[in-house]
Amino acid sequence: MVAGWSYIARKQQSVNATEDLANVERVLAGDIASFEGIVRRWQGPLVNMAYRFCNDRGRAEEMAQEAFLRVYRSLASWRRDAAFSTWLFAVAANLYRSELKRIPAGNVALDDVAELMDKHSHARDFEEHQRDRMIRKAVMALPAKYRDAMILYYFHEMDVPAASKSLGVPEGTVKARLFRGREILRSKLPQLLEVSRLKEA
């Protein structure tokens, strides 16, 4: 079953890549309406990615819209040495990081997250979605360089090479930031994080 899903996923990626290339070529040839295909295909993933950065649905939608505008204006700069989607997410990630520097997301300090978690750690109704919410808040409270790497790798499920391109840093730096980010979370929230659930870089 897993192998079957893997095949389907690879086939879908291939279809997306073909459609992306066709849309890009048509837009660059003057058919502006073809950009709608790119938006339709990637709007959900870009909004979800933005939400991981800001934890605010309305702001995430605005950030994704701005990302599409930037992609449209920069379309001719796509060098095609990587998949269009990789370049698209790199542009979006850079925009999202810049946006959060300009107007930071409403986060709580790591110590406050730990204190809040501790108050609920023994409650029977501490459900899985609450736990996940705490983890997201803890990640959002990390220093930006660790937070961004963690968001792309764990929440957006980018591999290290893709995260490296999105962040514009070497793969070794991404691995180091993931390691350090996990160490900070483990030290601050030992009860909350199950190390076995975090995949190693």
N, C-alpha and C. Protein backbone atom coordinates (compact mmCIF):
# COMPACT_ATOMS: atom_id res chain seq x y z
N MET A 1 0.83 -1.21 0.00
CA MET A 1 0.00 0.00 0.00
C MET A 1 0.86 1.26 0.00
N VAL A 2 1.91 1.28 0.85
CA VAL A 2 2.80 2.44 0.92
C VAL A 2 3.49 2.65 -0.43
N ALA A 3 3.96 1.53 -1.03
CA ALA A 3 4.63 1.64 -2.32
C ALA A 3 3.67 2.19 -3.37
N GLY A 4 2.40 1.77 -3.29
CA GLY A 4 1.41 2.27 -4.23
C GLY A 4 1.19 3.77 -4.10
N TRP A 5 1.08 4.23 -2.86
CA TRP A 5 0.91 5.67 -2.64
C TRP A 5 2.13 6.44 -3.09
N SER A 6 3.33 5.85 -2.85
CA SER A 6 4.56 6.51 -3.28
C SER A 6 4.59 6.68 -4.79
N TYR A 7 4.14 5.65 -5.51
CA TYR A 7 4.09 5.73 -6.98
C TYR A 7 3.12 6.82 -7.42
N ILE A 8 1.95 6.85 -6.78
CA ILE A 8 0.95 7.86 -7.12
C ILE A 8 1.49 9.26 -6.86
N ALA A 9 2.18 9.42 -5.72
CA ALA A 9 2.73 10.74 -5.38
C ALA A 9 3.77 11.17 -6.41
N ARG A 10 4.64 10.23 -6.82
CA ARG A 10 5.66 10.57 -7.82
C ARG A 10 5.02 10.93 -9.16
N LYS A 11 3.99 10.19 -9.52
CA LYS A 11 3.29 10.46 -10.78
C LYS A 11 2.64 11.83 -10.73
N GLN A 12 2.02 12.17 -9.58
CA GLN A 12 1.38 13.48 -9.44
C GLN A 12 2.41 14.59 -9.52
N GLN A 13 3.59 14.40 -8.90
CA GLN A 13 4.65 15.40 -8.97
C GLN A 13 5.09 15.62 -10.41
N SER A 14 5.18 14.52 -11.16
CA SER A 14 5.58 14.62 -12.57
C SER A 14 4.54 15.39 -13.37
N VAL A 15 3.26 15.10 -13.11
CA VAL A 15 2.17 15.81 -13.79
C VAL A 15 2.22 17.29 -13.45
N ASN A 16 2.40 17.60 -12.15
CA ASN A 16 2.48 19.00 -11.72
C ASN A 16 3.64 19.71 -12.40
N ALA A 17 4.80 19.05 -12.47
CA ALA A 17 5.98 19.66 -13.08
C ALA A 17 5.73 19.97 -14.55
N THR A 18 5.09 19.04 -15.24
CA THR A 18 4.77 19.25 -16.66
C THR A 18 3.80 20.41 -16.84
N GLU A 19 2.76 20.44 -16.01
CA GLU A 19 1.78 21.52 -16.09
C GLU A 19 2.39 22.86 -15.71
N ASP A 20 3.26 22.85 -14.69
CA ASP A 20 3.93 24.09 -14.29
C ASP A 20 4.74 24.66 -15.44
N LEU A 21 5.54 23.80 -16.08
CA LEU A 21 6.38 24.25 -17.18
C LEU A 21 5.54 24.81 -18.32
N ALA A 22 4.45 24.12 -18.64
CA ALA A 22 3.57 24.60 -19.72
C ALA A 22 2.97 25.95 -19.38
N ASN A 23 2.51 26.10 -18.13
CA ASN A 23 1.93 27.38 -17.71
C ASN A 23 2.95 28.51 -17.76
N VAL A 24 4.15 28.23 -17.26
CA VAL A 24 5.20 29.25 -17.24
C VAL A 24 5.53 29.70 -18.66
N GLU A 25 5.69 28.73 -19.56
CA GLU A 25 6.05 29.09 -20.94
C GLU A 25 4.95 29.91 -21.61
N ARG A 26 3.69 29.58 -21.31
CA ARG A 26 2.59 30.35 -21.90
C ARG A 26 2.54 31.77 -21.34
N VAL A 27 2.76 31.89 -20.01
CA VAL A 27 2.76 33.22 -19.40
C VAL A 27 3.87 34.08 -19.99
N LEU A 28 5.07 33.49 -20.10
CA LEU A 28 6.21 34.24 -20.63
C LEU A 28 6.02 34.60 -22.10
N ALA A 29 5.16 33.82 -22.78
CA ALA A 29 4.86 34.11 -24.19
C ALA A 29 3.75 35.15 -24.34
N GLY A 30 3.21 35.62 -23.20
CA GLY A 30 2.20 36.66 -23.25
C GLY A 30 0.81 36.26 -22.83
N ASP A 31 0.59 34.96 -22.55
CA ASP A 31 -0.72 34.49 -22.13
C ASP A 31 -0.83 34.59 -20.61
N ILE A 32 -1.13 35.78 -20.13
CA ILE A 32 -1.16 36.05 -18.69
C ILE A 32 -2.17 35.17 -17.97
N ALA A 33 -3.26 34.83 -18.61
CA ALA A 33 -4.31 34.03 -17.98
C ALA A 33 -3.81 32.65 -17.55
N SER A 34 -2.73 32.17 -18.17
CA SER A 34 -2.21 30.84 -17.83
C SER A 34 -1.63 30.79 -16.42
N PHE A 35 -1.35 31.97 -15.86
CA PHE A 35 -0.82 31.98 -14.49
C PHE A 35 -1.87 31.47 -13.50
N GLU A 36 -3.13 31.52 -13.91
CA GLU A 36 -4.21 31.03 -13.05
C GLU A 36 -4.04 29.54 -12.74
N GLY A 37 -3.48 28.79 -13.70
CA GLY A 37 -3.24 27.38 -13.47
C GLY A 37 -2.24 27.15 -12.35
N ILE A 38 -1.22 27.98 -12.30
CA ILE A 38 -0.21 27.89 -11.24
C ILE A 38 -0.85 28.22 -9.90
N VAL A 39 -1.64 29.28 -9.87
CA VAL A 39 -2.31 29.68 -8.63
C VAL A 39 -3.24 28.58 -8.14
N ARG A 40 -4.03 28.05 -9.05
CA ARG A 40 -4.99 27.01 -8.67
C ARG A 40 -4.27 25.77 -8.12
N ARG A 41 -3.15 25.42 -8.70
CA ARG A 41 -2.42 24.22 -8.31
C ARG A 41 -1.69 24.39 -6.98
N TRP A 42 -1.19 25.59 -6.71
CA TRP A 42 -0.32 25.78 -5.55
C TRP A 42 -0.87 26.68 -4.46
N GLN A 43 -2.06 27.19 -4.62
CA GLN A 43 -2.62 28.11 -3.63
C GLN A 43 -2.74 27.45 -2.25
N GLY A 44 -3.30 26.24 -2.20
CA GLY A 44 -3.46 25.55 -0.93
C GLY A 44 -2.13 25.33 -0.22
N PRO A 45 -1.14 24.76 -0.90
CA PRO A 45 0.16 24.55 -0.25
C PRO A 45 0.83 25.85 0.22
N LEU A 46 0.71 26.93 -0.56
CA LEU A 46 1.35 28.18 -0.15
C LEU A 46 0.65 28.81 1.04
N VAL A 47 -0.68 28.72 1.08
CA VAL A 47 -1.42 29.24 2.24
C VAL A 47 -1.07 28.42 3.48
N ASN A 48 -1.03 27.10 3.33
CA ASN A 48 -0.68 26.24 4.47
C ASN A 48 0.73 26.53 4.97
N MET A 49 1.63 26.75 4.04
CA MET A 49 3.01 27.07 4.42
C MET A 49 3.06 28.40 5.17
N ALA A 50 2.33 29.39 4.67
CA ALA A 50 2.30 30.70 5.35
C ALA A 50 1.70 30.58 6.74
N TYR A 51 0.68 29.75 6.87
CA TYR A 51 0.04 29.56 8.18
C TYR A 51 1.03 28.98 9.18
N ARG A 52 1.92 28.10 8.72
CA ARG A 52 2.93 27.53 9.62
C ARG A 52 3.87 28.61 10.13
N PHE A 53 4.05 29.66 9.33
CA PHE A 53 4.92 30.75 9.74
C PHE A 53 4.23 31.72 10.70
N CYS A 54 2.97 32.04 10.44
CA CYS A 54 2.33 33.12 11.19
C CYS A 54 1.21 32.67 12.11
N ASN A 55 0.70 31.44 11.93
CA ASN A 55 -0.36 30.90 12.78
C ASN A 55 -1.62 31.76 12.77
N ASP A 56 -1.88 32.41 11.63
CA ASP A 56 -3.05 33.28 11.48
C ASP A 56 -3.58 33.07 10.06
N ARG A 57 -4.78 32.48 9.94
CA ARG A 57 -5.29 32.09 8.63
C ARG A 57 -5.46 33.28 7.69
N GLY A 58 -6.04 34.37 8.19
CA GLY A 58 -6.24 35.54 7.35
C GLY A 58 -4.94 36.11 6.85
N ARG A 59 -3.97 36.23 7.75
CA ARG A 59 -2.67 36.76 7.35
C ARG A 59 -1.97 35.79 6.40
N ALA A 60 -2.15 34.49 6.62
CA ALA A 60 -1.53 33.48 5.74
C ALA A 60 -2.03 33.64 4.31
N GLU A 61 -3.33 33.88 4.16
CA GLU A 61 -3.89 34.06 2.82
C GLU A 61 -3.33 35.31 2.15
N GLU A 62 -3.16 36.37 2.92
CA GLU A 62 -2.59 37.60 2.37
C GLU A 62 -1.14 37.40 1.96
N MET A 63 -0.39 36.69 2.81
CA MET A 63 1.02 36.42 2.51
C MET A 63 1.16 35.55 1.26
N ALA A 64 0.27 34.55 1.12
CA ALA A 64 0.32 33.69 -0.07
C ALA A 64 0.00 34.49 -1.32
N GLN A 65 -0.97 35.40 -1.23
CA GLN A 65 -1.32 36.24 -2.37
C GLN A 65 -0.12 37.10 -2.78
N GLU A 66 0.56 37.66 -1.80
CA GLU A 66 1.74 38.46 -2.08
C GLU A 66 2.84 37.60 -2.70
N ALA A 67 2.95 36.35 -2.23
CA ALA A 67 3.95 35.43 -2.80
C ALA A 67 3.68 35.17 -4.27
N PHE A 68 2.41 34.98 -4.62
CA PHE A 68 2.08 34.75 -6.02
C PHE A 68 2.40 35.98 -6.87
N LEU A 69 2.16 37.16 -6.34
CA LEU A 69 2.50 38.38 -7.07
C LEU A 69 4.01 38.46 -7.32
N ARG A 70 4.78 38.11 -6.29
CA ARG A 70 6.23 38.15 -6.44
C ARG A 70 6.70 37.10 -7.46
N VAL A 71 6.10 35.92 -7.40
CA VAL A 71 6.45 34.86 -8.35
C VAL A 71 6.14 35.32 -9.77
N TYR A 72 4.97 35.91 -9.95
CA TYR A 72 4.57 36.38 -11.28
C TYR A 72 5.56 37.40 -11.83
N ARG A 73 5.94 38.34 -10.98
CA ARG A 73 6.86 39.40 -11.42
C ARG A 73 8.25 38.85 -11.70
N SER A 74 8.62 37.74 -11.03
CA SER A 74 9.97 37.20 -11.16
C SER A 74 10.03 35.96 -12.04
N LEU A 75 8.94 35.65 -12.73
CA LEU A 75 8.83 34.39 -13.46
C LEU A 75 9.99 34.16 -14.42
N ALA A 76 10.42 35.21 -15.07
CA ALA A 76 11.51 35.07 -16.05
C ALA A 76 12.83 34.71 -15.40
N SER A 77 12.95 34.90 -14.08
CA SER A 77 14.21 34.60 -13.39
C SER A 77 14.34 33.15 -12.96
N TRP A 78 13.27 32.36 -13.14
CA TRP A 78 13.37 30.93 -12.83
C TRP A 78 14.34 30.30 -13.81
N ARG A 79 15.46 29.76 -13.29
CA ARG A 79 16.54 29.27 -14.15
C ARG A 79 16.32 27.82 -14.60
N ARG A 80 15.33 27.15 -14.04
CA ARG A 80 14.98 25.78 -14.43
C ARG A 80 16.05 24.76 -14.07
N ASP A 81 16.97 25.14 -13.16
CA ASP A 81 17.94 24.16 -12.67
C ASP A 81 17.36 23.38 -11.50
N ALA A 82 16.14 23.74 -11.10
CA ALA A 82 15.40 23.01 -10.06
C ALA A 82 13.94 23.01 -10.48
N ALA A 83 13.15 22.15 -9.85
CA ALA A 83 11.72 22.11 -10.16
C ALA A 83 11.09 23.47 -9.91
N PHE A 84 10.08 23.80 -10.71
CA PHE A 84 9.39 25.07 -10.52
C PHE A 84 8.84 25.18 -9.11
N SER A 85 8.29 24.07 -8.57
CA SER A 85 7.71 24.11 -7.22
C SER A 85 8.77 24.44 -6.17
N THR A 86 10.00 23.93 -6.36
CA THR A 86 11.09 24.24 -5.42
C THR A 86 11.39 25.73 -5.44
N TRP A 87 11.47 26.29 -6.64
CA TRP A 87 11.71 27.73 -6.77
C TRP A 87 10.54 28.53 -6.19
N LEU A 88 9.33 28.09 -6.48
CA LEU A 88 8.12 28.76 -5.97
C LEU A 88 8.13 28.83 -4.44
N PHE A 89 8.43 27.68 -3.79
CA PHE A 89 8.44 27.65 -2.33
C PHE A 89 9.60 28.45 -1.76
N ALA A 90 10.72 28.51 -2.49
CA ALA A 90 11.85 29.32 -2.04
C ALA A 90 11.49 30.80 -2.03
N VAL A 91 10.83 31.24 -3.12
CA VAL A 91 10.38 32.64 -3.19
C VAL A 91 9.40 32.93 -2.06
N ALA A 92 8.45 32.01 -1.86
CA ALA A 92 7.45 32.20 -0.80
C ALA A 92 8.08 32.22 0.58
N ALA A 93 9.00 31.30 0.83
CA ALA A 93 9.64 31.23 2.15
C ALA A 93 10.42 32.51 2.45
N ASN A 94 11.12 33.03 1.45
CA ASN A 94 11.86 34.29 1.64
C ASN A 94 10.92 35.43 1.96
N LEU A 95 9.80 35.47 1.24
CA LEU A 95 8.81 36.53 1.49
C LEU A 95 8.22 36.39 2.89
N TYR A 96 7.87 35.18 3.29
CA TYR A 96 7.25 34.96 4.60
C TYR A 96 8.21 35.36 5.72
N ARG A 97 9.48 35.00 5.56
CA ARG A 97 10.45 35.36 6.60
C ARG A 97 10.60 36.88 6.69
N SER A 98 10.65 37.54 5.55
CA SER A 98 10.75 39.01 5.54
C SER A 98 9.52 39.65 6.17
N GLU A 99 8.35 39.07 5.86
CA GLU A 99 7.10 39.61 6.40
C GLU A 99 7.06 39.47 7.92
N LEU A 100 7.55 38.36 8.44
CA LEU A 100 7.53 38.16 9.89
C LEU A 100 8.55 39.05 10.59
N LYS A 101 9.63 39.40 9.89
CA LYS A 101 10.58 40.35 10.47
C LYS A 101 9.94 41.73 10.55
N ARG A 102 9.15 42.05 9.52
CA ARG A 102 8.49 43.36 9.48
C ARG A 102 7.38 43.45 10.52
N ILE A 103 6.54 42.44 10.58
CA ILE A 103 5.46 42.37 11.57
C ILE A 103 5.48 40.99 12.20
N PRO A 104 6.15 40.82 13.34
CA PRO A 104 6.28 39.49 13.96
C PRO A 104 4.92 38.89 14.28
N ALA A 105 4.87 37.56 14.22
CA ALA A 105 3.65 36.85 14.62
C ALA A 105 3.49 36.97 16.12
N GLY A 106 2.26 36.89 16.59
CA GLY A 106 2.00 36.96 18.02
C GLY A 106 2.38 35.66 18.70
N ASN A 107 3.62 35.58 19.15
CA ASN A 107 4.11 34.36 19.77
C ASN A 107 4.27 34.52 21.27
N VAL A 108 4.38 33.39 21.95
CA VAL A 108 4.70 33.41 23.36
C VAL A 108 6.12 32.92 23.54
N ALA A 109 6.75 33.27 24.65
CA ALA A 109 8.10 32.82 24.92
C ALA A 109 8.11 31.33 25.19
N LEU A 110 9.26 30.69 24.92
CA LEU A 110 9.36 29.25 25.16
C LEU A 110 9.07 28.90 26.62
N ASP A 111 9.55 29.71 27.55
CA ASP A 111 9.31 29.43 28.97
C ASP A 111 7.82 29.48 29.28
N ASP A 112 7.10 30.41 28.62
CA ASP A 112 5.65 30.51 28.85
C ASP A 112 4.92 29.31 28.28
N VAL A 113 5.41 28.81 27.13
CA VAL A 113 4.81 27.62 26.55
C VAL A 113 4.99 26.44 27.49
N ALA A 114 6.19 26.32 28.06
CA ALA A 114 6.47 25.22 28.98
C ALA A 114 5.58 25.30 30.21
N GLU A 115 5.39 26.52 30.72
CA GLU A 115 4.55 26.70 31.90
C GLU A 115 3.10 26.35 31.59
N LEU A 116 2.62 26.79 30.41
CA LEU A 116 1.25 26.50 30.02
C LEU A 116 1.05 25.00 29.83
N MET A 117 2.05 24.36 29.20
CA MET A 117 1.98 22.92 28.99
C MET A 117 1.95 22.18 30.31
N ASP A 118 2.75 22.66 31.28
CA ASP A 118 2.85 21.98 32.56
C ASP A 118 1.51 22.00 33.30
N LYS A 119 0.74 23.07 33.16
CA LYS A 119 -0.55 23.17 33.84
C LYS A 119 -1.54 22.14 33.33
N HIS A 120 -1.34 21.72 32.07
CA HIS A 120 -2.29 20.80 31.47
C HIS A 120 -1.75 19.38 31.30
N SER A 121 -0.48 19.18 31.68
CA SER A 121 0.16 17.92 31.35
C SER A 121 -0.51 16.72 31.98
N HIS A 122 -1.19 16.91 33.13
CA HIS A 122 -1.83 15.79 33.81
C HIS A 122 -3.34 15.76 33.59
N ALA A 123 -3.84 16.68 32.81
CA ALA A 123 -5.28 16.70 32.57
C ALA A 123 -5.66 15.60 31.60
N ARG A 124 -6.79 14.94 31.90
CA ARG A 124 -7.22 13.82 31.04
C ARG A 124 -7.66 14.29 29.67
N ASP A 125 -8.09 15.54 29.57
CA ASP A 125 -8.60 16.03 28.29
C ASP A 125 -7.54 16.73 27.45
N PHE A 126 -6.29 16.45 27.77
CA PHE A 126 -5.20 17.04 26.99
C PHE A 126 -5.08 16.25 25.70
N GLU A 127 -5.90 16.57 24.72
CA GLU A 127 -6.04 15.78 23.51
C GLU A 127 -4.90 16.03 22.53
N GLU A 128 -4.89 15.19 21.51
CA GLU A 128 -3.80 15.24 20.55
C GLU A 128 -3.70 16.59 19.85
N HIS A 129 -4.83 17.19 19.50
CA HIS A 129 -4.75 18.47 18.79
C HIS A 129 -4.21 19.58 19.68
N GLN A 130 -4.46 19.48 21.00
CA GLN A 130 -3.90 20.45 21.92
C GLN A 130 -2.39 20.29 22.01
N ARG A 131 -1.97 19.04 22.01
CA ARG A 131 -0.54 18.74 22.05
C ARG A 131 0.16 19.30 20.81
N ASP A 132 -0.44 19.05 19.65
CA ASP A 132 0.15 19.56 18.42
C ASP A 132 0.20 21.09 18.43
N ARG A 133 -0.82 21.69 18.99
CA ARG A 133 -0.86 23.16 19.07
C ARG A 133 0.28 23.68 19.93
N MET A 134 0.56 22.99 21.02
CA MET A 134 1.66 23.38 21.88
C MET A 134 3.00 23.26 21.15
N ILE A 135 3.15 22.19 20.39
CA ILE A 135 4.39 21.99 19.65
C ILE A 135 4.58 23.12 18.64
N ARG A 136 3.50 23.46 17.92
CA ARG A 136 3.60 24.55 16.94
C ARG A 136 3.97 25.86 17.61
N LYS A 137 3.35 26.13 18.76
CA LYS A 137 3.67 27.38 19.47
C LYS A 137 5.12 27.38 19.93
N ALA A 138 5.59 26.23 20.38
CA ALA A 138 6.99 26.14 20.83
C ALA A 138 7.94 26.38 19.67
N VAL A 139 7.64 25.80 18.51
CA VAL A 139 8.48 26.01 17.34
C VAL A 139 8.46 27.48 16.93
N MET A 140 7.27 28.10 16.95
CA MET A 140 7.16 29.51 16.57
C MET A 140 7.94 30.43 17.52
N ALA A 141 8.18 29.96 18.73
CA ALA A 141 8.91 30.77 19.71
C ALA A 141 10.43 30.62 19.59
N LEU A 142 10.87 29.73 18.73
CA LEU A 142 12.31 29.55 18.53
C LEU A 142 12.91 30.78 17.84
N PRO A 143 14.23 31.00 18.00
CA PRO A 143 14.89 32.04 17.19
C PRO A 143 14.64 31.78 15.71
N ALA A 144 14.54 32.83 14.92
CA ALA A 144 14.07 32.74 13.54
C ALA A 144 14.82 31.71 12.70
N LYS A 145 16.14 31.65 12.81
CA LYS A 145 16.88 30.74 11.92
C LYS A 145 16.56 29.28 12.21
N TYR A 146 16.28 28.95 13.47
CA TYR A 146 15.89 27.58 13.81
C TYR A 146 14.42 27.35 13.47
N ARG A 147 13.59 28.35 13.74
CA ARG A 147 12.15 28.24 13.46
C ARG A 147 11.90 27.99 11.98
N ASP A 148 12.56 28.76 11.12
CA ASP A 148 12.32 28.63 9.69
C ASP A 148 12.71 27.25 9.18
N ALA A 149 13.85 26.75 9.63
CA ALA A 149 14.29 25.41 9.21
C ALA A 149 13.31 24.35 9.69
N MET A 150 12.85 24.47 10.94
CA MET A 150 11.92 23.48 11.49
C MET A 150 10.59 23.51 10.75
N ILE A 151 10.10 24.70 10.44
CA ILE A 151 8.82 24.82 9.73
C ILE A 151 8.90 24.14 8.37
N LEU A 152 9.94 24.43 7.61
CA LEU A 152 10.04 23.86 6.27
C LEU A 152 10.22 22.34 6.32
N TYR A 153 11.04 21.88 7.26
CA TYR A 153 11.37 20.44 7.30
C TYR A 153 10.26 19.60 7.90
N TYR A 154 9.73 20.02 9.03
CA TYR A 154 8.73 19.20 9.71
C TYR A 154 7.30 19.51 9.29
N PHE A 155 6.94 20.78 9.26
CA PHE A 155 5.55 21.14 8.98
C PHE A 155 5.25 21.12 7.49
N HIS A 156 6.20 21.60 6.67
CA HIS A 156 5.95 21.61 5.23
C HIS A 156 6.54 20.38 4.55
N GLU A 157 7.24 19.55 5.32
CA GLU A 157 7.78 18.27 4.84
C GLU A 157 8.73 18.42 3.66
N MET A 158 9.52 19.48 3.68
CA MET A 158 10.60 19.61 2.69
C MET A 158 11.76 18.74 3.14
N ASP A 159 12.50 18.17 2.18
CA ASP A 159 13.71 17.47 2.56
C ASP A 159 14.83 18.52 2.74
N VAL A 160 15.99 18.06 3.20
CA VAL A 160 17.08 19.00 3.48
C VAL A 160 17.53 19.77 2.24
N PRO A 161 17.71 19.11 1.07
CA PRO A 161 18.11 19.88 -0.12
C PRO A 161 17.10 20.97 -0.50
N ALA A 162 15.80 20.65 -0.43
CA ALA A 162 14.78 21.65 -0.78
C ALA A 162 14.76 22.78 0.24
N ALA A 163 14.88 22.45 1.52
CA ALA A 163 14.93 23.48 2.56
C ALA A 163 16.15 24.36 2.39
N SER A 164 17.26 23.73 2.00
CA SER A 164 18.50 24.47 1.76
C SER A 164 18.31 25.52 0.68
N LYS A 165 17.64 25.13 -0.43
CA LYS A 165 17.40 26.08 -1.52
C LYS A 165 16.43 27.17 -1.10
N SER A 166 15.42 26.79 -0.33
CA SER A 166 14.42 27.77 0.11
C SER A 166 15.03 28.80 1.05
N LEU A 167 15.93 28.34 1.93
CA LEU A 167 16.52 29.24 2.91
C LEU A 167 17.77 29.94 2.38
N GLY A 168 18.32 29.43 1.28
CA GLY A 168 19.51 30.04 0.71
C GLY A 168 20.76 29.80 1.53
N VAL A 169 20.82 28.65 2.19
CA VAL A 169 21.99 28.30 3.00
C VAL A 169 22.42 26.88 2.63
N PRO A 170 23.68 26.50 2.94
CA PRO A 170 24.14 25.14 2.62
C PRO A 170 23.33 24.07 3.37
N GLU A 171 23.32 22.86 2.82
CA GLU A 171 22.58 21.77 3.46
C GLU A 171 23.10 21.49 4.86
N GLY A 172 24.42 21.60 5.04
CA GLY A 172 24.99 21.37 6.37
C GLY A 172 24.46 22.36 7.39
N THR A 173 24.23 23.60 6.96
CA THR A 173 23.68 24.61 7.85
C THR A 173 22.25 24.28 8.23
N VAL A 174 21.46 23.79 7.26
CA VAL A 174 20.09 23.37 7.55
C VAL A 174 20.09 22.26 8.60
N LYS A 175 20.96 21.26 8.39
CA LYS A 175 21.03 20.14 9.34
C LYS A 175 21.42 20.63 10.73
N ALA A 176 22.38 21.56 10.78
CA ALA A 176 22.82 22.09 12.08
C ALA A 176 21.68 22.86 12.77
N ARG A 177 20.92 23.63 11.99
CA ARG A 177 19.82 24.40 12.57
C ARG A 177 18.69 23.48 13.04
N LEU A 178 18.43 22.41 12.29
CA LEU A 178 17.43 21.44 12.72
C LEU A 178 17.86 20.77 14.01
N PHE A 179 19.13 20.41 14.09
CA PHE A 179 19.65 19.76 15.29
C PHE A 179 19.54 20.69 16.50
N ARG A 180 19.97 21.94 16.30
CA ARG A 180 19.94 22.90 17.40
C ARG A 180 18.50 23.22 17.81
N GLY A 181 17.61 23.35 16.81
CA GLY A 181 16.21 23.61 17.12
C GLY A 181 15.59 22.50 17.94
N ARG A 182 15.90 21.25 17.57
CA ARG A 182 15.39 20.12 18.34
C ARG A 182 15.95 20.11 19.76
N GLU A 183 17.23 20.46 19.88
CA GLU A 183 17.84 20.48 21.20
C GLU A 183 17.18 21.51 22.11
N ILE A 184 16.87 22.68 21.55
CA ILE A 184 16.20 23.72 22.34
C ILE A 184 14.83 23.24 22.80
N LEU A 185 14.09 22.64 21.87
CA LEU A 185 12.75 22.15 22.22
C LEU A 185 12.82 21.04 23.27
N ARG A 186 13.78 20.15 23.12
CA ARG A 186 13.92 19.05 24.08
C ARG A 186 14.25 19.57 25.47
N SER A 187 15.08 20.61 25.52
CA SER A 187 15.48 21.12 26.84
C SER A 187 14.36 21.92 27.49
N LYS A 188 13.55 22.59 26.66
CA LYS A 188 12.48 23.43 27.21
C LYS A 188 11.19 22.64 27.46
N LEU A 189 10.92 21.67 26.60
CA LEU A 189 9.65 20.96 26.70
C LEU A 189 9.86 19.44 26.69
N PRO A 190 10.58 18.93 27.67
CA PRO A 190 10.86 17.48 27.66
C PRO A 190 9.61 16.63 27.78
N GLN A 191 8.60 17.13 28.48
CA GLN A 191 7.38 16.34 28.64
C GLN A 191 6.55 16.33 27.37
N LEU A 192 6.67 17.39 26.59
CA LEU A 192 5.80 17.56 25.43
C LEU A 192 6.30 16.82 24.20
N LEU A 193 7.60 16.86 24.01
CA LEU A 193 8.16 16.30 22.78
C LEU A 193 8.59 14.85 22.98
N GLU A 194 8.14 14.00 22.09
CA GLU A 194 8.62 12.63 22.06
C GLU A 194 9.65 12.57 20.94
N VAL A 195 10.89 12.41 21.34
CA VAL A 195 11.98 12.50 20.37
C VAL A 195 11.80 11.48 19.24
N SER A 196 11.22 10.36 19.57
CA SER A 196 11.04 9.31 18.57
C SER A 196 10.11 9.74 17.44
N ARG A 197 9.27 10.74 17.69
CA ARG A 197 8.32 11.19 16.67
C ARG A 197 8.95 12.19 15.72
N LEU A 198 10.10 12.71 16.10
CA LEU A 198 10.78 13.66 15.22
C LEU A 198 11.77 12.90 14.35
N LYS A 199 11.62 12.99 13.04
CA LYS A 199 12.57 12.30 12.17
C LYS A 199 13.90 13.01 12.19
N GLU A 200 14.95 12.26 12.08
CA GLU A 200 16.29 12.84 12.12
C GLU A 200 16.67 13.39 10.75
N ALA A 201 17.43 14.47 10.77
CA ALA A 201 17.85 15.08 9.50
C ALA A 201 18.94 14.22 8.86
